[in-house]
């Protein structure tokens, strides 16, 4: 058989296998909805629970790399501590063994019918849940069909003397096998793919167990490259999370490479007792390795945390977000206490909005990426709290509330949305500033190419009036929280007076922009700055005025809208005579 006849089926099979893995994982993730992030975000209060969360999520999405990247993201925005993340990563390494066991059942003979059923569900049903199931089945079938193609392509390998010599070297020098496994997984970006290849080669008799196990250990090191890539350019905490993943898998590989002979004996013994097929033997070895590694290193999570902090020094710039105060169990028993908890949570959300605005203002003044990162972290937290609070307050509305409690619940539901929208406007301003910086860089590059010297030494036109507008809106946001917390009507009146000045300033800034442009000194970036940024600041202030008006009893007309007197009249169809 020629090299082409071996290489083409192998590459095609590998591509179908990787596609099947990803497509199946995406389908599983869609079926699970937002619960995966919720599991990682909520159920990680202790090291053991962190491990279980990582195991469950990885078993669901069939990708330890996916779980690790999700964990790096949560650490990056401050929703998870480094210690919690280490536990999740340990659990993810055990959860990924599920894939090896699935492959071990060897359903290649049924791969095409499974693909067919999945296709029917995908293309002949409009229901989202059925489509998700079809996607899972289609990906599952592709996984096994890809394995079959790879196996057919690799079958002649055992007849090649070069391959036979390499495997002899690996059996005598396990470190070489660890290196091969590491490089192969780094290239394929999937430890499951590497394990699938090993299962196929071992099933065909091309590899001995002594050659397979070191490569298997190397797979776990290679899979850390995804987390390392995900952590590039993000927070120090995220880099430490990726480093802990590397350390955990590297230490495990070193331990079991050192203990290769007794470990091999245990795997062979288990395989003989259970009469396992070759592919399932590899799955058992993989599971035994990861579980044993977890049991050994679980007790040293705090030591791993200290080690990565020393390896990656620096101040962690992630914002430490406080846990939620909401307790759904008290909604039925004490509505007063539930409303009080909602108020505390709403004030906490207000602090995050304040933090987001201050970071946005700082980004305008200095264009420091740290301020932009902090603003984005706050925005993520604000959206998360908005979802929690809205769901909590809606559940509360279903209980028997007094008139005053019902008014308070309605007010907090409105204010939650006002605060969430202020966070959105902060994000819009960050995007406006980024766009202004991009336009100015583009303008300077054009001038440089034409041999002109730019008359502006900054990327954004720094304007004292814009800074003053930021300051006034900041005062309104800060005061609105005090007004809400203390029912301060006097301060609410001050806010209304300040709002008139803000509206006047926005009009003046628009006129200023026209004058700058007409003078011939204006740039494309100035329009984004003066018009779009000023408009977002004005809308933020409007949201704070909603809070002031609520406290003053001026609920901007919403008290006149009822279910019976709806804004949009109900259309009724008269029965035909």
Protein backbone atom coordinates (compact mmCIF):
# COMPACT_ATOMS: atom_id res chain seq x y z
CA UNK A 1 0.00 0.00 0.00
CA UNK A 2 1.38 3.46 -0.93
CA UNK A 3 1.86 6.30 1.52
CA UNK A 4 -0.93 8.19 -0.24
CA UNK A 5 -3.40 5.36 0.35
CA UNK A 6 -2.46 5.45 4.04
CA UNK A 7 -2.30 9.22 4.49
CA UNK A 8 -5.51 10.28 2.74
CA UNK A 9 -7.92 8.03 4.72
CA UNK A 10 -6.10 8.96 7.94
CA UNK A 11 -6.32 12.73 7.36
CA UNK A 12 -9.92 12.52 6.18
CA UNK A 13 -10.86 10.32 9.12
CA UNK A 14 -9.10 12.67 11.54
CA UNK A 15 -10.98 15.64 10.11
CA UNK A 16 -14.34 13.86 10.38
CA UNK A 17 -13.46 12.70 13.92
CA UNK A 18 -12.55 16.23 15.10
CA UNK A 19 -15.64 17.67 13.41
CA UNK A 20 -17.80 15.02 15.06
CA UNK A 21 -16.29 15.77 18.49
CA UNK A 22 -16.91 19.51 18.18
CA UNK A 23 -20.36 19.17 16.59
CA UNK A 24 -21.49 16.70 19.24
CA UNK A 25 -20.06 18.91 22.02
CA UNK A 26 -21.86 21.97 20.63
CA UNK A 27 -25.12 20.04 20.51
CA UNK A 28 -24.68 18.87 24.09
CA UNK A 29 -23.87 22.41 25.17
CA UNK A 30 -26.98 23.80 23.45
CA UNK A 31 -29.12 21.16 25.13
CA UNK A 32 -27.68 22.06 28.51
CA UNK A 33 -28.28 25.78 27.88
CA UNK A 34 -26.74 28.23 30.34
CA UNK A 35 -26.55 25.60 33.10
CA UNK A 36 -22.88 24.77 32.32
CA UNK A 37 -21.67 28.25 33.20
CA UNK A 38 -24.07 28.25 36.14
CA UNK A 39 -22.57 25.00 37.46
CA UNK A 40 -19.05 26.39 37.30
CA UNK A 41 -20.10 29.78 38.64
CA UNK A 42 -22.19 28.52 41.57
CA UNK A 43 -21.19 25.01 42.63
CA UNK A 44 -17.53 25.62 43.40
CA UNK A 45 -17.63 26.70 47.05
CA UNK A 46 -15.33 23.89 48.24
CA UNK A 47 -12.44 22.05 46.52
CA UNK A 48 -14.48 18.84 46.29
CA UNK A 49 -17.46 20.62 44.74
CA UNK A 50 -15.10 22.36 42.30
CA UNK A 51 -13.75 18.97 41.20
CA UNK A 52 -17.27 17.57 40.77
CA UNK A 53 -18.36 20.67 38.81
CA UNK A 54 -15.40 20.30 36.45
CA UNK A 55 -16.09 16.59 36.03
CA UNK A 56 -19.81 17.06 35.29
CA UNK A 57 -19.37 19.93 32.81
CA UNK A 58 -16.60 18.09 30.93
CA UNK A 59 -18.64 14.89 30.78
CA UNK A 60 -21.53 16.92 29.32
CA UNK A 61 -19.62 18.85 26.65
CA UNK A 62 -17.06 16.08 25.99
CA UNK A 63 -14.11 18.48 26.07
CA UNK A 64 -11.73 19.17 28.94
CA UNK A 65 -10.27 22.00 26.85
CA UNK A 66 -13.72 23.61 26.60
CA UNK A 67 -14.19 23.42 30.37
CA UNK A 68 -10.71 24.82 30.99
CA UNK A 69 -11.24 27.73 28.60
CA UNK A 70 -14.60 28.47 30.30
CA UNK A 71 -12.84 28.36 33.68
CA UNK A 72 -10.09 30.72 32.49
CA UNK A 73 -12.82 33.13 31.35
CA UNK A 74 -14.63 33.02 34.73
CA UNK A 75 -11.36 33.60 36.60
CA UNK A 76 -10.49 36.43 34.22
CA UNK A 77 -13.68 38.34 35.05
CA UNK A 78 -13.39 37.60 38.78
CA UNK A 79 -16.29 35.15 39.16
CA UNK A 80 -14.04 32.31 40.30
CA UNK A 81 -10.96 32.22 42.52
CA UNK A 82 -7.72 30.54 41.52
CA UNK A 83 -8.21 27.82 44.14
CA UNK A 84 -11.69 27.02 42.79
CA UNK A 85 -10.32 26.95 39.23
CA UNK A 86 -7.62 24.41 40.15
CA UNK A 87 -10.31 22.06 41.48
CA UNK A 88 -12.38 22.48 38.30
CA UNK A 89 -9.34 21.67 36.15
CA UNK A 90 -8.65 18.52 38.16
CA UNK A 91 -12.24 17.41 37.68
CA UNK A 92 -12.10 18.22 33.96
CA UNK A 93 -9.20 15.80 33.51
CA UNK A 94 -11.32 13.00 34.96
CA UNK A 95 -14.43 14.06 33.00
CA UNK A 96 -12.60 13.79 29.68
CA UNK A 97 -12.07 10.04 30.24
CA UNK A 98 -15.74 9.55 29.35
CA UNK A 99 -14.82 10.09 25.68
CA UNK A 100 -12.27 7.27 25.77
CA UNK A 101 -14.88 4.89 27.22
CA UNK A 102 -17.39 5.90 24.51
CA UNK A 103 -14.78 5.17 21.83
CA UNK A 104 -13.96 1.90 23.62
CA UNK A 105 -17.42 0.53 22.82
CA UNK A 106 -16.46 0.65 19.10
CA UNK A 107 -19.74 1.50 17.37
CA UNK A 108 -18.05 2.06 14.01
CA UNK A 109 -20.33 -0.49 12.32
CA UNK A 110 -23.34 1.66 13.22
CA UNK A 111 -21.77 5.05 12.46
CA UNK A 112 -23.51 5.61 9.10
CA UNK A 113 -27.04 4.80 10.36
CA UNK A 114 -26.44 7.09 13.35
CA UNK A 115 -25.36 9.89 10.98
CA UNK A 116 -28.50 9.24 8.91
CA UNK A 117 -30.84 9.48 11.91
CA UNK A 118 -29.08 12.64 13.08
CA UNK A 119 -29.46 14.20 9.61
CA UNK A 120 -33.19 13.44 9.53
CA UNK A 121 -33.70 15.10 12.93
CA UNK A 122 -31.62 18.10 11.85
CA UNK A 123 -33.27 18.77 8.49
CA UNK A 124 -36.85 17.56 8.94
CA UNK A 125 -37.78 19.09 12.29
CA UNK A 126 -38.27 22.73 13.25
CA UNK A 127 -38.17 22.09 17.00
CA UNK A 128 -34.97 23.33 18.61
CA UNK A 129 -34.73 20.45 21.09
CA UNK A 130 -35.10 17.86 18.31
CA UNK A 131 -32.46 19.71 16.26
CA UNK A 132 -30.08 19.60 19.21
CA UNK A 133 -30.57 15.84 19.55
CA UNK A 134 -29.99 15.48 15.80
CA UNK A 135 -26.77 17.47 16.10
CA UNK A 136 -25.58 15.23 18.95
CA UNK A 137 -26.34 12.05 16.98
CA UNK A 138 -24.78 13.41 13.78
CA UNK A 139 -21.60 14.36 15.63
CA UNK A 140 -21.59 11.01 17.46
CA UNK A 141 -21.83 9.11 14.18
CA UNK A 142 -19.09 11.25 12.58
CA UNK A 143 -16.84 10.49 15.54
CA UNK A 144 -17.01 6.73 14.96
CA UNK A 145 -16.95 7.00 11.17
CA UNK A 146 -13.80 9.11 11.43
CA UNK A 147 -12.25 6.50 13.72
CA UNK A 148 -13.02 3.78 11.18
CA UNK A 149 -11.34 5.75 8.38
CA UNK A 150 -8.31 6.47 10.56
CA UNK A 151 -8.08 2.80 11.50
CA UNK A 152 -8.21 1.71 7.86
CA UNK A 153 -5.49 4.20 6.97
CA UNK A 154 -3.22 3.21 9.87
CA UNK A 155 -3.62 -0.56 9.45
CA UNK A 156 -0.44 -1.01 7.30
CA UNK A 157 1.71 0.89 9.83
CA UNK A 158 2.63 -2.31 11.67
CA UNK A 159 4.33 -3.57 8.48
CA UNK A 160 6.64 -0.53 8.31
CA UNK A 161 10.04 -1.27 9.91
CA UNK A 162 10.56 2.42 10.78
CA UNK A 163 7.34 2.48 12.81
CA UNK A 164 8.20 -0.80 14.52
CA UNK A 165 11.64 0.58 15.48
CA UNK A 166 10.08 3.78 16.86
CA UNK A 167 7.68 1.82 19.06
CA UNK A 168 10.54 -0.31 20.38
CA UNK A 169 12.40 2.89 21.27
CA UNK A 170 9.29 4.23 23.04
CA UNK A 171 8.93 1.03 25.09
CA UNK A 172 12.58 1.33 26.17
CA UNK A 173 12.55 5.13 26.62
CA UNK A 174 9.16 6.18 28.06
CA UNK A 175 10.14 9.88 28.03
CA UNK A 176 10.19 9.69 24.23
CA UNK A 177 6.61 8.42 24.29
CA UNK A 178 5.56 11.26 26.60
CA UNK A 179 7.10 13.72 24.14
CA UNK A 180 5.29 12.12 21.17
CA UNK A 181 1.96 12.24 23.00
CA UNK A 182 2.50 15.88 24.00
CA UNK A 183 3.38 17.05 20.49
CA UNK A 184 0.61 15.05 18.82
CA UNK A 185 -2.05 16.49 21.14
CA UNK A 186 -0.69 20.02 20.75
CA UNK A 187 -0.96 19.69 16.97
CA UNK A 188 -4.44 18.11 17.00
CA UNK A 189 -5.71 20.34 19.84
CA UNK A 190 -7.61 17.33 21.19
CA UNK A 191 -6.46 14.67 23.64
CA UNK A 192 -9.54 12.64 22.69
CA UNK A 193 -8.32 12.45 19.07
CA UNK A 194 -4.89 11.23 20.18
CA UNK A 195 -6.44 8.63 22.46
CA UNK A 196 -8.71 7.50 19.62
CA UNK A 197 -5.66 6.98 17.41
CA UNK A 198 -3.92 5.01 20.18
CA UNK A 199 -7.00 2.83 20.63
CA UNK A 200 -7.08 2.06 16.92
CA UNK A 201 -3.34 1.24 16.74
CA UNK A 202 -3.49 -0.90 19.87
CA UNK A 203 -6.57 -2.75 18.61
CA UNK A 204 -4.71 -3.59 15.35
CA UNK A 205 -1.68 -4.87 17.26
CA UNK A 206 0.58 -2.10 15.93
CA UNK A 207 1.40 -0.94 19.46
CA UNK A 208 2.27 -2.74 22.68
CA UNK A 209 0.84 -1.58 26.01
CA UNK A 210 4.35 -0.48 27.11
CA UNK A 211 4.44 1.94 24.15
CA UNK A 212 0.86 3.16 24.51
CA UNK A 213 0.94 4.30 28.15
CA UNK A 214 3.79 6.87 27.91
CA UNK A 215 2.09 8.45 24.87
CA UNK A 216 -1.14 8.49 26.91
CA UNK A 217 0.62 10.38 29.71
CA UNK A 218 1.94 12.90 27.17
CA UNK A 219 -1.61 13.52 25.90
CA UNK A 220 -2.50 15.17 29.20
CA UNK A 221 0.43 17.58 28.91
CA UNK A 222 -0.39 18.44 25.30
CA UNK A 223 -4.01 19.28 26.08
CA UNK A 224 -2.90 22.18 28.33
CA UNK A 225 -1.89 24.21 25.26
CA UNK A 226 -5.54 25.28 24.76
CA UNK A 227 -5.71 26.83 28.23
CA UNK A 228 -2.35 28.53 27.70
CA UNK A 229 -3.60 30.09 24.43
CA UNK A 230 -6.86 31.19 26.11
CA UNK A 231 -4.90 32.92 28.90
CA UNK A 232 -2.65 34.96 26.58
CA UNK A 233 -3.26 38.67 26.93
CA UNK A 234 -5.76 38.39 29.78
CA UNK A 235 -5.53 38.86 33.55
CA UNK A 236 -2.80 37.56 35.83
CA UNK A 237 -5.38 35.28 37.48
CA UNK A 238 -6.21 33.68 34.11
CA UNK A 239 -2.51 33.10 33.39
CA UNK A 240 -2.14 31.45 36.79
CA UNK A 241 -5.13 29.23 36.04
CA UNK A 242 -3.51 28.04 32.81
CA UNK A 243 -0.20 27.51 34.66
CA UNK A 244 -1.92 25.37 37.30
CA UNK A 245 -3.38 23.23 34.50
CA UNK A 246 0.11 22.69 33.06
CA UNK A 247 1.60 21.89 36.50
CA UNK A 248 -1.17 19.41 37.39
CA UNK A 249 -0.82 17.45 34.17
CA UNK A 250 2.99 17.68 34.04
CA UNK A 251 3.39 16.41 37.61
CA UNK A 252 0.94 13.57 36.89
CA UNK A 253 2.89 12.53 33.80
CA UNK A 254 6.19 12.57 35.74
CA UNK A 255 4.75 10.49 38.60
CA UNK A 256 3.26 7.79 36.41
CA UNK A 257 6.17 7.67 33.96
CA UNK A 258 8.37 6.95 36.98
CA UNK A 259 5.90 4.27 38.11
CA UNK A 260 5.32 2.94 34.58
CA UNK A 261 6.15 -0.72 35.33
CA UNK A 262 3.76 -1.19 38.31
CA UNK A 263 1.08 0.91 36.57
CA UNK A 264 1.33 -1.25 33.44
CA UNK A 265 1.01 -4.38 35.60
CA UNK A 266 -2.16 -3.00 37.22
CA UNK A 267 -3.71 -2.16 33.82
CA UNK A 268 -2.89 -5.62 32.42
CA UNK A 269 -4.29 -7.28 35.55
CA UNK A 270 -7.57 -5.34 35.35
CA UNK A 271 -7.87 -6.09 31.63
CA UNK A 272 -7.36 -9.84 32.21
CA UNK A 273 -9.85 -10.01 35.08
CA UNK A 274 -12.55 -8.05 33.20
CA UNK A 275 -11.62 -9.56 29.81
CA UNK A 276 -11.55 -6.14 28.20
CA UNK A 277 -11.14 -5.53 24.49
CA UNK A 278 -8.00 -3.59 23.44
CA UNK A 279 -9.77 -0.23 22.92
CA UNK A 280 -11.47 -0.53 26.31
CA UNK A 281 -8.13 -1.37 27.94
CA UNK A 282 -6.81 2.03 26.82
CA UNK A 283 -9.97 3.71 28.16
CA UNK A 284 -9.47 2.00 31.54
CA UNK A 285 -5.78 3.00 31.59
CA UNK A 286 -6.70 6.59 30.79
CA UNK A 287 -9.39 6.68 33.49
CA UNK A 288 -7.14 5.01 36.08
CA UNK A 289 -4.33 7.47 35.34
CA UNK A 290 -6.51 10.59 35.68
CA UNK A 291 -8.40 9.40 38.76
CA UNK A 292 -5.15 8.36 40.50
CA UNK A 293 -3.55 11.70 39.57
CA UNK A 294 -6.56 13.51 41.04
CA UNK A 295 -6.45 11.50 44.29
CA UNK A 296 -2.72 12.24 44.68
CA UNK A 297 -2.77 15.98 43.92
CA UNK A 298 -6.21 16.90 45.33
CA UNK A 299 -4.70 17.33 48.79
CA UNK A 300 -2.14 19.83 47.49
CA UNK A 301 -4.46 22.39 45.84
CA UNK A 302 -3.29 25.14 48.21
CA UNK A 303 0.37 24.27 47.48
CA UNK A 304 -0.27 24.37 43.71
CA UNK A 305 -1.89 27.78 44.19
CA UNK A 306 1.16 29.10 46.08
CA UNK A 307 3.50 27.68 43.43
CA UNK A 308 1.75 29.33 40.47
CA UNK A 309 1.62 32.65 42.34
CA UNK A 310 5.41 32.48 42.65
CA UNK A 311 5.89 31.37 39.04
CA UNK A 312 3.62 34.17 37.74
CA UNK A 313 4.16 37.18 40.02
CA UNK A 314 2.25 40.42 39.83
CA UNK A 315 -0.83 42.01 41.27
CA UNK A 316 -4.07 40.35 40.28
CA UNK A 317 -6.20 43.02 38.63
CA UNK A 318 -9.39 40.95 38.59
CA UNK A 319 -12.24 42.47 40.57
CA UNK A 320 -13.35 40.43 43.55
CA UNK A 321 -17.11 40.12 43.07
CA UNK A 322 -19.21 39.37 46.12
CA UNK A 323 -21.49 36.29 46.20
CA UNK A 324 -25.21 36.74 45.66
CA UNK A 325 -27.39 37.63 48.68
CA UNK A 326 -30.53 36.20 47.09
CA UNK A 327 -32.13 33.22 48.81
CA UNK A 328 -35.14 31.80 46.95
CA UNK A 329 -36.16 29.58 49.88
CA UNK A 330 -37.39 32.58 51.91
CA UNK A 331 -39.67 33.98 49.20
CA UNK A 332 -42.68 31.99 50.40
CA UNK A 333 -41.93 32.29 54.11
CA UNK A 334 -41.07 36.00 54.42
CA UNK A 335 -41.72 38.46 51.61
CA UNK A 336 -40.37 41.32 53.75
CA UNK A 337 -37.02 39.59 54.17
CA UNK A 338 -36.98 38.63 50.49
CA UNK A 339 -37.55 42.27 49.46
CA UNK A 340 -34.76 43.37 51.80
CA UNK A 341 -32.38 40.85 50.20
CA UNK A 342 -33.38 42.09 46.75
CA UNK A 343 -32.67 45.69 47.85
CA UNK A 344 -29.19 44.72 49.13
CA UNK A 345 -28.50 42.94 45.82
CA UNK A 346 -29.75 45.95 43.85
CA UNK A 347 -27.45 48.28 45.78
CA UNK A 348 -24.56 45.89 45.09
CA UNK A 349 -25.47 46.01 41.41
CA UNK A 350 -25.43 49.80 41.69
CA UNK A 351 -21.87 49.67 43.09
CA UNK A 352 -20.83 47.60 40.06
CA UNK A 353 -22.48 50.15 37.73
CA UNK A 354 -20.57 52.89 39.52
CA UNK A 355 -17.35 50.90 39.09
CA UNK A 356 -18.07 50.36 35.40
CA UNK A 357 -18.68 54.08 34.86
CA UNK A 358 -15.52 55.13 36.72
CA UNK A 359 -13.46 52.63 34.68
CA UNK A 360 -15.04 53.98 31.46
CA UNK A 361 -14.24 57.57 32.46
CA UNK A 362 -10.65 56.55 33.28
CA UNK A 363 -10.36 54.86 29.88
CA UNK A 364 -11.38 58.11 28.17
CA UNK A 365 -8.79 60.08 30.13
CA UNK A 366 -5.82 57.64 29.85
CA UNK A 367 -6.68 54.98 27.21
CA UNK A 368 -5.20 52.35 29.54
CA UNK A 369 -6.21 48.78 28.62
CA UNK A 370 -6.51 47.93 32.34
CA UNK A 371 -9.42 50.38 32.68
CA UNK A 372 -11.10 48.86 29.63
CA UNK A 373 -10.66 45.37 31.07
CA UNK A 374 -12.13 46.48 34.43
CA UNK A 375 -15.13 48.07 32.69
CA UNK A 376 -15.77 44.84 30.77
CA UNK A 377 -15.51 42.79 33.99
CA UNK A 378 -18.06 45.03 35.69
CA UNK A 379 -20.38 44.79 32.67
CA UNK A 380 -20.29 40.99 32.84
CA UNK A 381 -21.12 41.11 36.56
CA UNK A 382 -23.95 43.62 35.97
CA UNK A 383 -25.59 41.39 33.35
CA UNK A 384 -25.27 38.38 35.63
CA UNK A 385 -26.89 40.25 38.54
CA UNK A 386 -29.63 41.59 36.25
CA UNK A 387 -30.63 38.04 35.30
CA UNK A 388 -30.59 36.85 38.93
CA UNK A 389 -32.50 39.84 40.28
CA UNK A 390 -35.12 39.83 37.54
CA UNK A 391 -35.83 36.13 38.06
CA UNK A 392 -35.96 36.60 41.85
CA UNK A 393 -38.32 39.60 41.69
CA UNK A 394 -40.62 37.84 39.20
CA UNK A 395 -40.85 34.86 41.59
CA UNK A 396 -41.61 37.31 44.39
CA UNK A 397 -44.46 38.87 42.38
CA UNK A 398 -46.25 35.49 42.37
CA UNK A 399 -46.65 35.63 46.18
CA UNK A 400 -49.26 37.53 48.19
CA UNK A 401 -47.79 41.02 48.61
CA UNK A 402 -49.24 44.04 50.37
CA UNK A 403 -49.84 47.20 48.31
CA UNK A 404 -46.62 48.81 49.58
CA UNK A 405 -44.63 45.60 49.00
CA UNK A 406 -46.04 45.29 45.49
CA UNK A 407 -45.02 48.89 44.76
CA UNK A 408 -41.50 48.23 46.11
CA UNK A 409 -41.19 45.03 44.05
CA UNK A 410 -42.31 46.85 40.88
CA UNK A 411 -39.92 49.72 41.56
CA UNK A 412 -36.93 47.38 42.05
CA UNK A 413 -37.78 45.49 38.86
CA UNK A 414 -37.74 48.81 36.96
CA UNK A 415 -34.54 50.01 38.63
CA UNK A 416 -32.78 46.73 37.85
CA UNK A 417 -33.34 47.39 34.16
CA UNK A 418 -32.25 51.03 34.53
CA UNK A 419 -28.94 49.97 36.11
CA UNK A 420 -28.43 47.25 33.49
CA UNK A 421 -28.94 49.80 30.71
CA UNK A 422 -26.37 52.15 32.30
CA UNK A 423 -23.91 49.24 32.15
CA UNK A 424 -24.78 48.77 28.47
CA UNK A 425 -24.11 52.46 27.78
CA UNK A 426 -20.71 52.14 29.48
CA UNK A 427 -19.93 49.30 27.08
CA UNK A 428 -21.12 51.46 24.17
CA UNK A 429 -18.78 54.29 25.20
CA UNK A 430 -15.84 51.86 25.42
CA UNK A 431 -16.66 50.74 21.88
CA UNK A 432 -16.96 54.38 20.76
CA UNK A 433 -13.54 55.18 22.22
CA UNK A 434 -12.03 52.11 20.54
CA UNK A 435 -13.55 53.21 17.24
CA UNK A 436 -12.23 56.76 17.70
CA UNK A 437 -8.73 55.41 18.42
CA UNK A 438 -8.90 53.20 15.33
CA UNK A 439 -10.05 56.08 13.11
CA UNK A 440 -7.31 58.38 14.41
CA UNK A 441 -4.61 55.73 13.83
CA UNK A 442 -5.94 55.23 10.32
CA UNK A 443 -5.91 59.00 9.71
CA UNK A 444 -2.32 59.35 10.99
CA UNK A 445 -1.15 56.43 8.84
CA UNK A 446 -2.71 58.13 5.76
CA UNK A 447 -1.04 61.44 6.61
CA UNK A 448 2.33 59.75 7.17
CA UNK A 449 2.05 58.02 3.78
CA UNK A 450 1.31 61.38 2.15
CA UNK A 451 4.31 62.96 3.88
CA UNK A 452 2.22 65.19 6.16
CA UNK A 453 2.91 65.80 9.83
CA UNK A 454 -0.10 65.26 12.11
CA UNK A 455 -1.09 68.31 14.15
CA UNK A 456 -2.51 66.12 16.92
CA UNK A 457 -0.35 64.27 19.44
CA UNK A 458 -3.17 62.26 21.05
CA UNK A 459 -5.36 59.48 19.70
CA UNK A 460 -8.51 61.00 21.23
CA UNK A 461 -9.29 64.69 21.42
CA UNK A 462 -9.20 65.42 25.16
CA UNK A 463 -11.91 67.94 25.93
CA UNK A 464 -12.62 69.50 29.34
CA UNK A 465 -16.33 69.79 28.52
CA UNK A 466 -16.53 66.02 27.91
CA UNK A 467 -14.74 65.43 31.24
CA UNK A 468 -17.20 67.79 32.96
CA UNK A 469 -20.11 65.87 31.42
CA UNK A 470 -18.62 62.59 32.71
CA UNK A 471 -18.33 64.16 36.20
CA UNK A 472 -21.94 65.34 36.28
CA UNK A 473 -23.31 61.98 35.12
CA UNK A 474 -21.09 60.25 37.69
CA UNK A 475 -22.65 62.41 40.42
CA UNK A 476 -26.12 61.49 39.23
CA UNK A 477 -25.32 57.77 39.31
CA UNK A 478 -23.77 58.04 42.78
CA UNK A 479 -26.63 60.19 44.10
CA UNK A 480 -29.30 57.92 42.62
CA UNK A 481 -28.02 55.03 44.75
CA UNK A 482 -28.17 57.21 47.87
CA UNK A 483 -31.67 58.38 46.89
CA UNK A 484 -32.83 54.78 46.49
CA UNK A 485 -31.19 53.50 49.69
CA UNK A 486 -32.30 56.35 52.00
CA UNK A 487 -35.42 57.60 50.18
CA UNK A 488 -33.75 61.03 50.01
CA UNK A 489 -36.23 63.34 48.28
CA UNK A 490 -34.05 66.45 48.68
CA UNK A 491 -31.17 64.82 46.82
CA UNK A 492 -33.63 63.60 44.15
CA UNK A 493 -34.60 67.24 43.50
CA UNK A 494 -30.91 68.17 43.15
CA UNK A 495 -30.58 65.38 40.58
CA UNK A 496 -33.45 66.79 38.52
CA UNK A 497 -31.77 70.22 38.52
CA UNK A 498 -28.45 68.68 37.49
CA UNK A 499 -30.18 66.77 34.69
CA UNK A 500 -31.21 70.07 33.06
CA UNK A 501 -27.55 71.17 33.03
CA UNK A 502 -26.54 67.80 31.51
CA UNK A 503 -29.07 68.20 28.70
CA UNK A 504 -27.72 71.71 28.00
CA UNK A 505 -24.13 70.42 27.97
CA UNK A 506 -24.96 67.71 25.44
CA UNK A 507 -26.49 70.33 23.12
CA UNK A 508 -23.40 72.54 23.52
CA UNK A 509 -21.07 69.61 22.75
CA UNK A 510 -22.97 68.92 19.52
CA UNK A 511 -22.62 72.58 18.52
CA UNK A 512 -18.93 72.45 19.44
CA UNK A 513 -18.45 69.46 17.16
CA UNK A 514 -20.03 71.33 14.24
CA UNK A 515 -17.74 74.33 14.87
CA UNK A 516 -14.64 72.12 15.03
CA UNK A 517 -15.57 70.39 11.78
CA UNK A 518 -16.40 73.67 10.01
CA UNK A 519 -13.07 75.15 11.09
CA UNK A 520 -11.25 72.46 9.12
CA UNK A 521 -9.49 71.13 12.23
CA UNK A 522 -11.94 68.31 12.90
CA UNK A 523 -11.16 64.62 12.47
CA UNK A 524 -13.37 61.60 11.83
CA UNK A 525 -12.66 60.39 15.40
CA UNK A 526 -14.18 63.58 16.87
CA UNK A 527 -17.66 62.74 15.59
CA UNK A 528 -17.64 59.41 17.41
CA UNK A 529 -16.40 61.12 20.55
CA UNK A 530 -18.67 64.16 20.71
CA UNK A 531 -21.88 62.80 19.26
CA UNK A 532 -22.04 59.11 20.20
CA UNK A 533 -20.29 59.35 23.58
CA UNK A 534 -22.27 62.41 24.64
CA UNK A 535 -25.53 60.71 23.63
CA UNK A 536 -24.71 57.64 25.72
CA UNK A 537 -23.84 59.82 28.72
CA UNK A 538 -27.14 61.69 28.34
CA UNK A 539 -29.09 58.41 28.26
CA UNK A 540 -27.26 57.16 31.35
CA UNK A 541 -28.29 60.29 33.20
CA UNK A 542 -31.89 59.79 32.04
CA UNK A 543 -31.83 56.33 33.65
CA UNK A 544 -30.73 57.79 36.98
CA UNK A 545 -33.57 60.32 36.80
CA UNK A 546 -36.04 57.41 36.63
CA UNK A 547 -34.78 56.43 40.09
CA UNK A 548 -35.16 59.99 41.41
CA UNK A 549 -38.68 60.27 39.99
CA UNK A 550 -39.71 56.98 41.57
CA UNK A 551 -38.68 58.25 44.99
CA UNK A 552 -40.48 61.56 44.37
CA UNK A 553 -43.60 59.66 43.33
CA UNK A 554 -43.38 60.77 39.68
CA UNK A 555 -43.31 57.39 38.00
CA UNK A 556 -43.26 58.89 34.47
CA UNK A 557 -46.76 57.64 33.62
CA UNK A 558 -46.31 53.95 34.39
CA UNK A 559 -48.91 54.10 37.17
CA UNK A 560 -51.57 54.78 34.54
CA UNK A 561 -50.81 51.58 32.61
CA UNK A 562 -52.72 48.52 33.79
CA UNK A 563 -53.52 45.12 32.37
CA UNK A 564 -57.09 46.30 31.82
CA UNK A 565 -55.97 49.61 30.26
CA UNK A 566 -53.10 48.31 28.13
CA UNK A 567 -50.90 50.50 25.93
CA UNK A 568 -51.52 48.15 23.03
CA UNK A 569 -55.26 47.39 22.86
CA UNK A 570 -56.21 43.72 22.66
CA UNK A 571 -57.56 42.78 19.22
CA UNK A 572 -60.70 40.70 19.42
CA UNK A 573 -62.33 38.78 16.56
CA UNK A 574 -66.09 39.11 16.29
CA UNK A 575 -67.85 35.79 15.65
CA UNK A 576 -69.55 35.55 12.29
CA UNK A 577 -73.32 35.46 12.29
